[in-house]
C-alpha cells in the first residue's frame, strides 16, 4: 500500500519536472593533474554554460608519409586505427597510396576510458587474411595537453612509426594531434564518437550533429493581364483561352476568359513560392478550352527567375509584353535575341518577387520567424536565445536490433531559419547530448520547437528508401513566456498520440535562457503587427495562405533533405506540423472545451449577478446597491474603477504566475478520453483507406455533429433576424407597438435626467424575489414573438 501511495498519478506523468543540473565549464588549474585529475581546481567560464561539461579525448589523424609498400604485393592500401582500451575507430582506406591524407578526428568520452594510453596504428588493408600493421604511435594519457576554447587548434606533429612491440622505429611517419577537451571544441561535430563505435560505413555520416539553414523563400506574384493574337488550332472558332503557370511542382490556372476572343483579358494574380538559389523557371502556357476533357496548347513561355524585379513595398511594378514561342523561347519585345517569326502571340504580365512578405512554412500559431524575405527590411535583434539540449530519459524502445529492443535517438530544434540536429546516441534509452546552440531573436512572441527521433539510418549499408526516422515526441516553448536572463532547466514530457492512444515516450531535458538586448525594442514590437505590413496592406486569402504554406514546407523539406547528413522529410514535416489542417474529432472537442473554458469566467460573472438579483446573500446585494448608486451619481468614476480593478487583479495574480514554460497537455488536447474509433479516424490517410461501412459510419457521425452545430448557427441567425424585424414592418402590429414605445421612451428620457432613469432601472433589476414573477418578462415575450426568415427556409 505504501508503494501505491508514493506512486505519482497519471496527471503528474505529463507535467514538467524541475531539475538542478551541473551546468557550465570547469577546467583544471594545474596541468599536472592530467586526464585523470580533472576534478581538482575548477575555473568557471561562461562560453558554454547551459550544458553539463563532458570531457573528451580528441585524436586528429591528418596524414602519413613515406609508408613502406607491402613486400609481397608491392602496393599499399593504408588506413589508420585509433584504439583506446576496448574502443577503436578507423579512417577510410586509400588504394595504392604511400602518402595518404585523412584529416579524421576521433573523440573518446571520459566515461569510456579503460586504458592509460592511446594507440594509433597504421595498417595495410588486405583482401584476404588479417590486415598487416605497418607501425604504431603510443600516447600516454597523463601527458596529453588540455585545450581550452577559445584557444587556437592544437598543431599536429609528425611522429615516427614504431613496430608493434615498441622496440624499434620503422619506416614511415604519421601526423597526429592529441588533446583533451569538451563538447565545446570545434572538432566535436565532425568527430567519430566512441559511443557510436558500432556504426561504420555510410552510417557514420548520418549520426553527426549539424546546423542547417532553411532556404531563402520568396513569393512570386504573376499578374496575368491580357494576351494578344491568340489564334486557335481550329479555324472558324473563337478561343476560350486561359493561362496555366507552373513553377517546379506548383501549377496554377487563371479562369477561362469570359469573352470568346483572340485578345483575352484576365487581370488575375497567381502566387507561387520560390527558393534561392533559383533552380526552376516560370513556365506559362496559353491554352484553349475546347471541351470539358480537352485543352489545346496555343503558346508557351519560359522565363528565368532572375528576370523579375524584387519588390520591397506595395508600389506596383512595371508590366511587360512577352512573345509566346512554341518551343519555349521567350524574349522581351524588341530584344536583340528575338527570333524572326512571321507571327507570334503576346502575353502581358506584371511579375515580381515579393520581398516585403514573410513566407510562412509553419503555422502562425507556432511561428518562429516573422521577418520579411528581403534582408534590407530586417530590424535589429532584440534578444538572444540560448538552448542547451542536455539529455533524454526513459525513452521507449523504438525498434529491434539483433533480437533486442533499442533506440538510436537524436534531437532536432527549429527556430527562425536555423535548424540544429544533435548527434545520434546509439543504443541508449537515456541518451546524453549536452550540446548548446544560440539564435538571434527578432520577435519574442515566437516559438522554438524541439523533437526527438529514432534514427533508422545508422547501418553500414544505406537504408531502404521506405525507411523513415520514427517520431518520439515534440516540445514547444514560447519565448514570450520566459523571464529574461533566467535559466530554465526542466525535463519536458515527450507525449505522442498513437493509434493505440496517448503515450509518454520519455522526457527531454533542456536548459533555456532568453537574454534581452533591448527592452525598448521589445516594448516597440508589442505595439506592432506580428507579420510584416504587406500581409495587411495586400493580404492573401485563407485558401492561398494554406496552399502557399504547403508549398513552402515541401520546398524546405526537399532542400534540407539534400544536405549531408540529410535532415529527412519526415522530421521536417513533423517539426512544421504538416498535418495540422486535417480534420480530427479529438481536436474539435478540445477546441470546443477551450472556448467553454474561456467563457466560464463570463458565465461565472452572470451567475454571480443572478445570485445578487435573487438576494441569495442580502449583505452582498446591499453592497452592490451602494456601489451602483455611487457609480450612477459619479459616472466619471466608472472607467477608473474598472482599470483599477484590473490592476489589482493583475498584482494579486503575480504571486501565482507560472514559473515554468508550457508543455504538451494531454488533458487539454482531449487525448486521454478519446474514443478508439475517433483515434483511428485521426490516423486515417487522406483520401481514406478504410472500408465503405466504416466510412459510412464516420460520415453519419460527422453529420450528427454538424447537425447540432447547424442548429446553434440557425438559432443565432434567428435572434439577429428578430432584431432586424423590429423596424421592418414584417409584423405590422409588433413594429407599430415598438415604434410607439420608442416615441414614448424618447419623450420620457428627454424630460427625465439620465441618472434617475439609470437608478430606477438598476433598482428594478435588483428588486427582491418577492416582487418578481416566475413568468418571462414582457420584453422577452415580445421579442420571442417577432418573426424571422426561418419561415422561408426549405
Foldseek 3Di string as FASTA:
>chain_A
DVVVVPDDDPQVQFDWDFDDDDFFDWAAPDLQCFPVNGVPHTDTDDPQGFEDWWKKKKKWWFKKAQQAADPVPRFFFKKKWKDAPPFIDIFHTHGRDRIDTTRAMAIETSVPHDDQKMKMWIWGDDPDDDIHTRFMDIGGRSPAAADDPPPDDDAWDKDFGDHPVRPGTDTMITTMHIHMYTCVDPCNQRHHYRLLRVFDAPLSLVQGKDKDFFFQKWKKKKFFFKKAQQDDPDPPFFFQKKKWKDWPPDIDIFHGAPDRHRIGTGRDIDIAMATPPGDTWIKMWIWGCPDPPDIHTRFIETGHPVVAAEDADDDFDDKFKWWTDRVHDIDGVPDPPDDDDPDTMITIIGIYIYQQFCQALFDPQAAQDFGGSDPVRADDFFWKKKKWFFKWAQADFDDDDPRDTFFFKKKWKDHDRMIIIFGTRGGDRIDTGGDMDMDGHRAQQHKMKMWMWGDPQRHNDGDDPPDDIHTQAMKMFRRVLDDAQDKGWIWGWGWDQDLVFIDTRTTTTMIMHMHGPDPVSRVVVVVDDRHGCCCVVPNDDPVVSLVSNLNSLVSSQVVQCPDGVRPHSVNSCVRRVVPPPDDAPLQVVLVVVVVVVVCVVVVVVVVVVVCLLQPVPVVVVVVVLVVLLVCLVPVVCPVVVVVVVVVVVVVVCVVVRDPHTDHDRCVSSNGPPDDSLSSVVVPADVVGPDDPVSVVVVVVVVVVVVVVVVVVVVVVQFLVQLVVQCCPCPPVVNVVVSVVVVVVVVVVPVVDDPSVVSSVVVCVSSDYPVPDDPDDDPVVVSSVPGGGCVVVPD
